[in-house]
Every structure is written in structure tokens, then in C-alpha cells.
Amino acid sequence: MFILLHVMVYAFGFMNYGMKDNLTQARAIFGITYPIARAAALTLHVDVALILLRTLTFIACSNCFSRLPRRDLSPPSNPAEQHHRL
């Protein structure tokens, strides 16, 4: 799935930068290397976005779980002790 995402982002980026009308001068100067480099940069930007999204999600979830009250789930020795725990 991850490789398919990379291939699709690169293909669409290459087509976009290869056919966009306002980039004719850049393509005339740099040739085919311009769409190749821009599509590769776009793919790297998607990678960084996915990594940051994963990291921020992990940080947010760990902060939420750390703020939850902790309960001792070991079996009590008597029922009155269990009542006080809850």
C-alpha cells in the first residue's frame, strides 16, 4: 500500500509538472530533469507529512492516556477495600 501511494504521488506529480502551462520556461531550461526532480520532492513531502502525522498522533494519544486516572485492578482481599477503590 505504501509503495502504491508513492507510485501514484510520483506519477501524478510528474504529469502535473510535465504538462503545466506556466512551467514551460523552467522545462525549457532544465528539460526532463525538472518534472523528475519536482515529482521526487513532492513524494518526499508526502513521506514527511505521513511521518509527522504518525508522530503527532502518537504524542496526542499518549498524552490522553497518561491523563486518565490509573486504577489498581488486582483482586482485593476484602469487599470493603474494593468499594473504596471504585
PDB file of N, CA and C in Angstrom:
ATOM      1  N   MET A   1       0.823  -1.190   0.000  1.00  0.00           N
ATOM      2  CA  MET A   1       0.000   0.000   0.000  1.00  0.00           C
ATOM      3  C   MET A   1       0.874   1.262   0.000  1.00  0.00           C
ATOM      4  N   PHE A   2       1.950   1.211   0.798  1.00  0.00           N
ATOM      5  CA  PHE A   2       2.835   2.361   0.891  1.00  0.00           C
ATOM      6  C   PHE A   2       3.548   2.615  -0.440  1.00  0.00           C
ATOM      7  N   ILE A   3       3.962   1.534  -1.112  1.00  0.00           N
ATOM      8  CA  ILE A   3       4.643   1.675  -2.399  1.00  0.00           C
ATOM      9  C   ILE A   3       3.662   2.184  -3.450  1.00  0.00           C
ATOM     10  N   LEU A   4       2.429   1.706  -3.400  1.00  0.00           N
ATOM     11  CA  LEU A   4       1.418   2.172  -4.341  1.00  0.00           C
ATOM     12  C   LEU A   4       1.158   3.665  -4.159  1.00  0.00           C
ATOM     13  N   LEU A   5       1.115   4.129  -2.935  1.00  0.00           N
ATOM     14  CA  LEU A   5       0.949   5.556  -2.674  1.00  0.00           C
ATOM     15  C   LEU A   5       2.108   6.354  -3.273  1.00  0.00           C
ATOM     16  N   HIS A   6       3.342   5.862  -3.095  1.00  0.00           N
ATOM     17  CA  HIS A   6       4.499   6.550  -3.663  1.00  0.00           C
ATOM     18  C   HIS A   6       4.429   6.616  -5.190  1.00  0.00           C
ATOM     19  N   VAL A   7       4.069   5.514  -5.793  1.00  0.00           N
ATOM     20  CA  VAL A   7       3.991   5.469  -7.260  1.00  0.00           C
ATOM     21  C   VAL A   7       2.921   6.428  -7.766  1.00  0.00           C
ATOM     22  N   MET A   8       1.770   6.448  -7.098  1.00  0.00           N
ATOM     23  CA  MET A   8       0.695   7.339  -7.538  1.00  0.00           C
ATOM     24  C   MET A   8       1.066   8.808  -7.355  1.00  0.00           C
ATOM     25  N   VAL A   9       1.646   9.150  -6.216  1.00  0.00           N
ATOM     26  CA  VAL A   9       2.041  10.546  -5.979  1.00  0.00           C
ATOM     27  C   VAL A   9       3.093  10.973  -6.993  1.00  0.00           C
ATOM     28  N   TYR A  10       4.073  10.101  -7.248  1.00  0.00           N
ATOM     29  CA  TYR A  10       5.125  10.438  -8.205  1.00  0.00           C
ATOM     30  C   TYR A  10       4.551  10.579  -9.612  1.00  0.00           C
ATOM     31  N   ALA A  11       3.671   9.663 -10.014  1.00  0.00           N
ATOM     32  CA  ALA A  11       3.108   9.714 -11.367  1.00  0.00           C
ATOM     33  C   ALA A  11       2.265  10.971 -11.571  1.00  0.00           C
ATOM     34  N   PHE A  12       1.401  11.275 -10.614  1.00  0.00           N
ATOM     35  CA  PHE A  12       0.573  12.471 -10.748  1.00  0.00           C
ATOM     36  C   PHE A  12       1.410  13.744 -10.678  1.00  0.00           C
ATOM     37  N   GLY A  13       2.413  13.754  -9.831  1.00  0.00           N
ATOM     38  CA  GLY A  13       3.301  14.912  -9.763  1.00  0.00           C
ATOM     39  C   GLY A  13       4.086  15.103 -11.044  1.00  0.00           C
ATOM     40  N   PHE A  14       4.579  14.011 -11.610  1.00  0.00           N
ATOM     41  CA  PHE A  14       5.332  14.087 -12.860  1.00  0.00           C
ATOM     42  C   PHE A  14       4.444  14.600 -13.992  1.00  0.00           C
ATOM     43  N   MET A  15       3.220  14.095 -14.052  1.00  0.00           N
ATOM     44  CA  MET A  15       2.299  14.575 -15.089  1.00  0.00           C
ATOM     45  C   MET A  15       1.950  16.044 -14.876  1.00  0.00           C
ATOM     46  N   ASN A  16       1.753  16.442 -13.621  1.00  0.00           N
ATOM     47  CA  ASN A  16       1.404  17.828 -13.324  1.00  0.00           C
ATOM     48  C   ASN A  16       2.536  18.771 -13.719  1.00  0.00           C
ATOM     49  N   TYR A  17       3.760  18.465 -13.271  1.00  0.00           N
ATOM     50  CA  TYR A  17       4.882  19.350 -13.564  1.00  0.00           C
ATOM     51  C   TYR A  17       5.343  19.228 -15.012  1.00  0.00           C
ATOM     52  N   GLY A  18       5.008  18.147 -15.679  1.00  0.00           N
ATOM     53  CA  GLY A  18       5.375  17.989 -17.078  1.00  0.00           C
ATOM     54  C   GLY A  18       4.432  18.667 -18.039  1.00  0.00           C
ATOM     55  N   MET A  19       3.177  18.891 -17.631  1.00  0.00           N
ATOM     56  CA  MET A  19       2.181  19.449 -18.535  1.00  0.00           C
ATOM     57  C   MET A  19       1.654  20.819 -18.136  1.00  0.00           C
ATOM     58  N   LYS A  20       2.036  21.312 -16.991  1.00  0.00           N
ATOM     59  CA  LYS A  20       1.512  22.594 -16.513  1.00  0.00           C
ATOM     60  C   LYS A  20       1.970  23.725 -17.426  1.00  0.00           C
ATOM     61  N   ASP A  21       1.048  24.603 -17.802  1.00  0.00           N
ATOM     62  CA  ASP A  21       1.335  25.652 -18.783  1.00  0.00           C
ATOM     63  C   ASP A  21       2.292  26.722 -18.278  1.00  0.00           C
ATOM     64  N   ASN A  22       2.228  27.069 -17.021  1.00  0.00           N
ATOM     65  CA  ASN A  22       3.067  28.165 -16.531  1.00  0.00           C
ATOM     66  C   ASN A  22       4.488  27.714 -16.185  1.00  0.00           C
ATOM     67  N   LEU A  23       4.831  26.465 -16.446  1.00  0.00           N
ATOM     68  CA  LEU A  23       6.187  25.966 -16.182  1.00  0.00           C
ATOM     69  C   LEU A  23       6.963  25.696 -17.473  1.00  0.00           C
ATOM     70  N   THR A  24       6.529  26.279 -18.580  1.00  0.00           N
ATOM     71  CA  THR A  24       7.189  25.995 -19.868  1.00  0.00           C
ATOM     72  C   THR A  24       8.617  26.524 -19.896  1.00  0.00           C
ATOM     73  N   GLN A  25       8.853  27.669 -19.293  1.00  0.00           N
ATOM     74  CA  GLN A  25      10.207  28.230 -19.294  1.00  0.00           C
ATOM     75  C   GLN A  25      11.154  27.369 -18.441  1.00  0.00           C
ATOM     76  N   ALA A  26      10.694  26.906 -17.290  1.00  0.00           N
ATOM     77  CA  ALA A  26      11.526  26.048 -16.450  1.00  0.00           C
ATOM     78  C   ALA A  26      11.822  24.721 -17.157  1.00  0.00           C
ATOM     79  N   ARG A  27      10.811  24.168 -17.851  1.00  0.00           N
ATOM     80  CA  ARG A  27      11.042  22.924 -18.588  1.00  0.00           C
ATOM     81  C   ARG A  27      11.976  23.149 -19.773  1.00  0.00           C
ATOM     82  N   ALA A  28      11.920  24.340 -20.370  1.00  0.00           N
ATOM     83  CA  ALA A  28      12.815  24.641 -21.495  1.00  0.00           C
ATOM     84  C   ALA A  28      14.264  24.740 -21.022  1.00  0.00           C
ATOM     85  N   ILE A  29      14.469  25.252 -19.824  1.00  0.00           N
ATOM     86  CA  ILE A  29      15.840  25.401 -19.304  1.00  0.00           C
ATOM     87  C   ILE A  29      16.375  24.061 -18.808  1.00  0.00           C
ATOM     88  N   PHE A  30      15.598  23.368 -17.984  1.00  0.00           N
ATOM     89  CA  PHE A  30      16.087  22.163 -17.306  1.00  0.00           C
ATOM     90  C   PHE A  30      15.732  20.857 -18.022  1.00  0.00           C
ATOM     91  N   GLY A  31      14.805  20.898 -18.943  1.00  0.00           N
ATOM     92  CA  GLY A  31      14.427  19.703 -19.684  1.00  0.00           C
ATOM     93  C   GLY A  31      13.622  18.734 -18.842  1.00  0.00           C
ATOM     94  N   ILE A  32      13.829  17.452 -19.065  1.00  0.00           N
ATOM     95  CA  ILE A  32      13.064  16.410 -18.381  1.00  0.00           C
ATOM     96  C   ILE A  32      13.431  16.298 -16.906  1.00  0.00           C
ATOM     97  N   THR A  33      14.597  16.827 -16.541  1.00  0.00           N
ATOM     98  CA  THR A  33      15.007  16.714 -15.140  1.00  0.00           C
ATOM     99  C   THR A  33      14.139  17.557 -14.214  1.00  0.00           C
ATOM    100  N   TYR A  34      13.516  18.602 -14.726  1.00  0.00           N
ATOM    101  CA  TYR A  34      12.665  19.449 -13.889  1.00  0.00           C
ATOM    102  C   TYR A  34      11.451  18.685 -13.353  1.00  0.00           C
ATOM    103  N   PRO A  35      10.634  18.039 -14.212  1.00  0.00           N
ATOM    104  CA  PRO A  35       9.499  17.287 -13.653  1.00  0.00           C
ATOM    105  C   PRO A  35       9.938  16.096 -12.793  1.00  0.00           C
ATOM    106  N   ILE A  36      11.078  15.485 -13.128  1.00  0.00           N
ATOM    107  CA  ILE A  36      11.566  14.362 -12.316  1.00  0.00           C
ATOM    108  C   ILE A  36      11.902  14.839 -10.910  1.00  0.00           C
ATOM    109  N   ALA A  37      12.627  15.941 -10.815  1.00  0.00           N
ATOM    110  CA  ALA A  37      13.036  16.455  -9.507  1.00  0.00           C
ATOM    111  C   ALA A  37      11.842  16.968  -8.704  1.00  0.00           C
ATOM    112  N   ARG A  38      10.924  17.657  -9.351  1.00  0.00           N
ATOM    113  CA  ARG A  38       9.766  18.184  -8.624  1.00  0.00           C
ATOM    114  C   ARG A  38       8.848  17.071  -8.146  1.00  0.00           C
ATOM    115  N   ALA A  39       8.674  16.032  -8.953  1.00  0.00           N
ATOM    116  CA  ALA A  39       7.832  14.904  -8.537  1.00  0.00           C
ATOM    117  C   ALA A  39       8.490  14.138  -7.396  1.00  0.00           C
ATOM    118  N   ALA A  40       9.813  14.006  -7.429  1.00  0.00           N
ATOM    119  CA  ALA A  40      10.523  13.347  -6.327  1.00  0.00           C
ATOM    120  C   ALA A  40      10.404  14.167  -5.046  1.00  0.00           C
ATOM    121  N   ALA A  41      10.506  15.486  -5.162  1.00  0.00           N
ATOM    122  CA  ALA A  41      10.353  16.352  -3.983  1.00  0.00           C
ATOM    123  C   ALA A  41       8.939  16.255  -3.422  1.00  0.00           C
ATOM    124  N   LEU A  42       7.951  16.179  -4.289  1.00  0.00           N
ATOM    125  CA  LEU A  42       6.571  16.034  -3.831  1.00  0.00           C
ATOM    126  C   LEU A  42       6.385  14.714  -3.088  1.00  0.00           C
ATOM    127  N   THR A  43       6.988  13.648  -3.588  1.00  0.00           N
ATOM    128  CA  THR A  43       6.905  12.348  -2.924  1.00  0.00           C
ATOM    129  C   THR A  43       7.567  12.408  -1.548  1.00  0.00           C
ATOM    130  N   LEU A  44       8.699  13.091  -1.440  1.00  0.00           N
ATOM    131  CA  LEU A  44       9.357  13.234  -0.140  1.00  0.00           C
ATOM    132  C   LEU A  44       8.518  14.070   0.825  1.00  0.00           C
ATOM    133  N   HIS A  45       7.836  15.080   0.310  1.00  0.00           N
ATOM    134  CA  HIS A  45       6.961  15.882   1.161  1.00  0.00           C
ATOM    135  C   HIS A  45       5.818  15.024   1.717  1.00  0.00           C
ATOM    136  N   VAL A  46       5.272  14.145   0.901  1.00  0.00           N
ATOM    137  CA  VAL A  46       4.217  13.247   1.379  1.00  0.00           C
ATOM    138  C   VAL A  46       4.765  12.318   2.460  1.00  0.00           C
ATOM    139  N   ASP A  47       5.991  11.814   2.268  1.00  0.00           N
ATOM    140  CA  ASP A  47       6.616  10.959   3.291  1.00  0.00           C
ATOM    141  C   ASP A  47       6.764  11.693   4.617  1.00  0.00           C
ATOM    142  N   VAL A  48       7.250  12.911   4.570  1.00  0.00           N
ATOM    143  CA  VAL A  48       7.439  13.697   5.794  1.00  0.00           C
ATOM    144  C   VAL A  48       6.094  13.973   6.455  1.00  0.00           C
ATOM    145  N   ALA A  49       5.083  14.274   5.655  1.00  0.00           N
ATOM    146  CA  ALA A  49       3.754  14.517   6.221  1.00  0.00           C
ATOM    147  C   ALA A  49       3.213  13.277   6.924  1.00  0.00           C
ATOM    148  N   LEU A  50       3.415  12.108   6.323  1.00  0.00           N
ATOM    149  CA  LEU A  50       2.954  10.875   6.963  1.00  0.00           C
ATOM    150  C   LEU A  50       3.711  10.585   8.253  1.00  0.00           C
ATOM    151  N   ILE A  51       5.009  10.832   8.253  1.00  0.00           N
ATOM    152  CA  ILE A  51       5.809  10.599   9.457  1.00  0.00           C
ATOM    153  C   ILE A  51       5.391  11.562  10.565  1.00  0.00           C
ATOM    154  N   LEU A  52       5.198  12.832  10.216  1.00  0.00           N
ATOM    155  CA  LEU A  52       4.778  13.806  11.226  1.00  0.00           C
ATOM    156  C   LEU A  52       3.379  13.507  11.742  1.00  0.00           C
ATOM    157  N   LEU A  53       2.494  13.089  10.852  1.00  0.00           N
ATOM    158  CA  LEU A  53       1.144  12.756  11.278  1.00  0.00           C
ATOM    159  C   LEU A  53       1.163  11.584  12.249  1.00  0.00           C
ATOM    160  N   ARG A  54       1.962  10.590  11.947  1.00  0.00           N
ATOM    161  CA  ARG A  54       2.089   9.419  12.827  1.00  0.00           C
ATOM    162  C   ARG A  54       2.675   9.830  14.183  1.00  0.00           C
ATOM    163  N   THR A  55       3.710  10.665  14.158  1.00  0.00           N
ATOM    164  CA  THR A  55       4.353  11.094  15.396  1.00  0.00           C
ATOM    165  C   THR A  55       3.412  11.939  16.242  1.00  0.00           C
ATOM    166  N   LEU A  56       2.726  12.887  15.612  1.00  0.00           N
ATOM    167  CA  LEU A  56       1.816  13.743  16.367  1.00  0.00           C
ATOM    168  C   LEU A  56       0.633  12.958  16.915  1.00  0.00           C
ATOM    169  N   THR A  57       0.153  11.977  16.172  1.00  0.00           N
ATOM    170  CA  THR A  57      -0.930  11.134  16.662  1.00  0.00           C
ATOM    171  C   THR A  57      -0.477  10.336  17.868  1.00  0.00           C
ATOM    172  N   PHE A  58       0.736   9.790  17.811  1.00  0.00           N
ATOM    173  CA  PHE A  58       1.262   9.026  18.936  1.00  0.00           C
ATOM    174  C   PHE A  58       1.409   9.916  20.171  1.00  0.00           C
ATOM    175  N   ILE A  59       1.932  11.126  19.984  1.00  0.00           N
ATOM    176  CA  ILE A  59       2.117  12.040  21.116  1.00  0.00           C
ATOM    177  C   ILE A  59       0.769  12.429  21.709  1.00  0.00           C
ATOM    178  N   ALA A  60      -0.192  12.745  20.862  1.00  0.00           N
ATOM    179  CA  ALA A  60      -1.507  13.155  21.358  1.00  0.00           C
ATOM    180  C   ALA A  60      -2.192  12.014  22.102  1.00  0.00           C
ATOM    181  N   CYS A  61      -2.111  10.808  21.556  1.00  0.00           N
ATOM    182  CA  CYS A  61      -2.755   9.672  22.220  1.00  0.00           C
ATOM    183  C   CYS A  61      -2.065   9.321  23.534  1.00  0.00           C
ATOM    184  N   SER A  62      -0.748   9.393  23.562  1.00  0.00           N
ATOM    185  CA  SER A  62      -0.056   9.073  24.806  1.00  0.00           C
ATOM    186  C   SER A  62      -0.350  10.120  25.872  1.00  0.00           C
ATOM    187  N   ASN A  63      -0.517  11.398  25.472  1.00  0.00           N
ATOM    188  CA  ASN A  63      -0.897  12.421  26.442  1.00  0.00           C
ATOM    189  C   ASN A  63      -2.301  12.171  26.978  1.00  0.00           C
ATOM    190  N   CYS A  64      -3.208  11.758  26.116  1.00  0.00           N
ATOM    191  CA  CYS A  64      -4.575  11.478  26.568  1.00  0.00           C
ATOM    192  C   CYS A  64      -4.592  10.301  27.529  1.00  0.00           C
ATOM    193  N   PHE A  65      -3.851   9.239  27.208  1.00  0.00           N
ATOM    194  CA  PHE A  65      -3.848   8.073  28.074  1.00  0.00           C
ATOM    195  C   PHE A  65      -3.126   8.345  29.391  1.00  0.00           C
ATOM    196  N   SER A  66      -2.130   9.203  29.379  1.00  0.00           N
ATOM    197  CA  SER A  66      -1.419   9.478  30.625  1.00  0.00           C
ATOM    198  C   SER A  66      -2.255  10.327  31.581  1.00  0.00           C
ATOM    199  N   ARG A  67      -3.246  11.025  31.064  1.00  0.00           N
ATOM    200  CA  ARG A  67      -4.086  11.855  31.926  1.00  0.00           C
ATOM    201  C   ARG A  67      -5.269  11.085  32.512  1.00  0.00           C
ATOM    202  N   LEU A  68      -5.492   9.878  32.040  1.00  0.00           N
ATOM    203  CA  LEU A  68      -6.562   9.068  32.606  1.00  0.00           C
ATOM    204  C   LEU A  68      -6.172   8.599  34.000  1.00  0.00           C
ATOM    205  N   PRO A  69      -7.130   8.501  34.901  1.00  0.00           N
ATOM    206  CA  PRO A  69      -6.784   8.003  36.235  1.00  0.00           C
ATOM    207  C   PRO A  69      -6.409   6.529  36.170  1.00  0.00           C
ATOM    208  N   ARG A  70      -5.396   6.183  36.933  1.00  0.00           N
ATOM    209  CA  ARG A  70      -4.951   4.789  36.961  1.00  0.00           C
ATOM    210  C   ARG A  70      -5.680   4.063  38.079  1.00  0.00           C
ATOM    211  N   ARG A  71      -6.111   2.863  37.765  1.00  0.00           N
ATOM    212  CA  ARG A  71      -6.819   2.053  38.765  1.00  0.00           C
ATOM    213  C   ARG A  71      -6.047   0.772  38.987  1.00  0.00           C
ATOM    214  N   ASP A  72      -6.024   0.387  40.203  1.00  0.00           N
ATOM    215  CA  ASP A  72      -5.391  -0.881  40.556  1.00  0.00           C
ATOM    216  C   ASP A  72      -6.410  -1.994  40.316  1.00  0.00           C
ATOM    217  N   LEU A  73      -6.109  -2.902  39.403  1.00  0.00           N
ATOM    218  CA  LEU A  73      -7.067  -3.934  39.040  1.00  0.00           C
ATOM    219  C   LEU A  73      -6.772  -5.284  39.688  1.00  0.00           C
ATOM    220  N   SER A  74      -5.886  -5.304  40.665  1.00  0.00           N
ATOM    221  CA  SER A  74      -5.602  -6.559  41.354  1.00  0.00           C
ATOM    222  C   SER A  74      -6.788  -6.922  42.257  1.00  0.00           C
ATOM    223  N   PRO A  75      -7.044  -8.194  42.468  1.00  0.00           N
ATOM    224  CA  PRO A  75      -8.193  -8.581  43.290  1.00  0.00           C
ATOM    225  C   PRO A  75      -7.993  -8.166  44.752  1.00  0.00           C
ATOM    226  N   PRO A  76      -9.003  -7.588  45.344  1.00  0.00           N
ATOM    227  CA  PRO A  76      -8.867  -7.142  46.748  1.00  0.00           C
ATOM    228  C   PRO A  76      -8.983  -8.306  47.718  1.00  0.00           C
ATOM    229  N   SER A  77      -8.495  -8.058  48.918  1.00  0.00           N
ATOM    230  CA  SER A  77      -8.573  -9.100  49.940  1.00  0.00           C
ATOM    231  C   SER A  77      -9.944  -9.116  50.601  1.00  0.00           C
ATOM    232  N   ASN A  78     -10.629  -7.963  50.653  1.00  0.00           N
ATOM    233  CA  ASN A  78     -11.982  -7.951  51.216  1.00  0.00           C
ATOM    234  C   ASN A  78     -12.865  -7.003  50.383  1.00  0.00           C
ATOM    235  N   PRO A  79     -14.177  -7.187  50.422  1.00  0.00           N
ATOM    236  CA  PRO A  79     -15.085  -6.365  49.605  1.00  0.00           C
ATOM    237  C   PRO A  79     -15.077  -4.889  49.970  1.00  0.00           C
ATOM    238  N   ALA A  80     -14.840  -4.530  51.223  1.00  0.00           N
ATOM    239  CA  ALA A  80     -14.840  -3.116  51.631  1.00  0.00           C
ATOM    240  C   ALA A  80     -13.680  -2.373  50.952  1.00  0.00           C
ATOM    241  N   GLU A  81     -12.561  -3.063  50.793  1.00  0.00           N
ATOM    242  CA  GLU A  81     -11.413  -2.440  50.122  1.00  0.00           C
ATOM    243  C   GLU A  81     -11.722  -2.177  48.647  1.00  0.00           C
ATOM    244  N   GLN A  82     -12.436  -3.098  48.033  1.00  0.00           N
ATOM    245  CA  GLN A  82     -12.799  -2.898  46.627  1.00  0.00           C
ATOM    246  C   GLN A  82     -13.750  -1.717  46.480  1.00  0.00           C
ATOM    247  N   HIS A  83     -14.663  -1.557  47.407  1.00  0.00           N
ATOM    248  CA  HIS A  83     -15.610  -0.465  47.356  1.00  0.00           C
ATOM    249  C   HIS A  83     -14.887   0.891  47.436  1.00  0.00           C
ATOM    250  N   HIS A  84     -13.864   0.991  48.207  1.00  0.00           N
ATOM    251  CA  HIS A  84     -13.111   2.234  48.331  1.00  0.00           C
ATOM    252  C   HIS A  84     -12.292   2.538  47.075  1.00  0.00           C
ATOM    253  N   ARG A  85     -11.855   1.501  46.381  1.00  0.00           N
ATOM    254  CA  ARG A  85     -11.078   1.711  45.157  1.00  0.00           C
ATOM    255  C   ARG A  85     -11.914   2.317  44.042  1.00  0.00           C
ATOM    256  N   LEU A  86     -13.161   1.910  43.932  1.00  0.00           N
ATOM    257  CA  LEU A  86     -14.019   2.376  42.860  1.00  0.00           C
ATOM    258  C   LEU A  86     -14.532   3.744  43.194  1.00  0.00           C
TER     259      LEU A  86
END
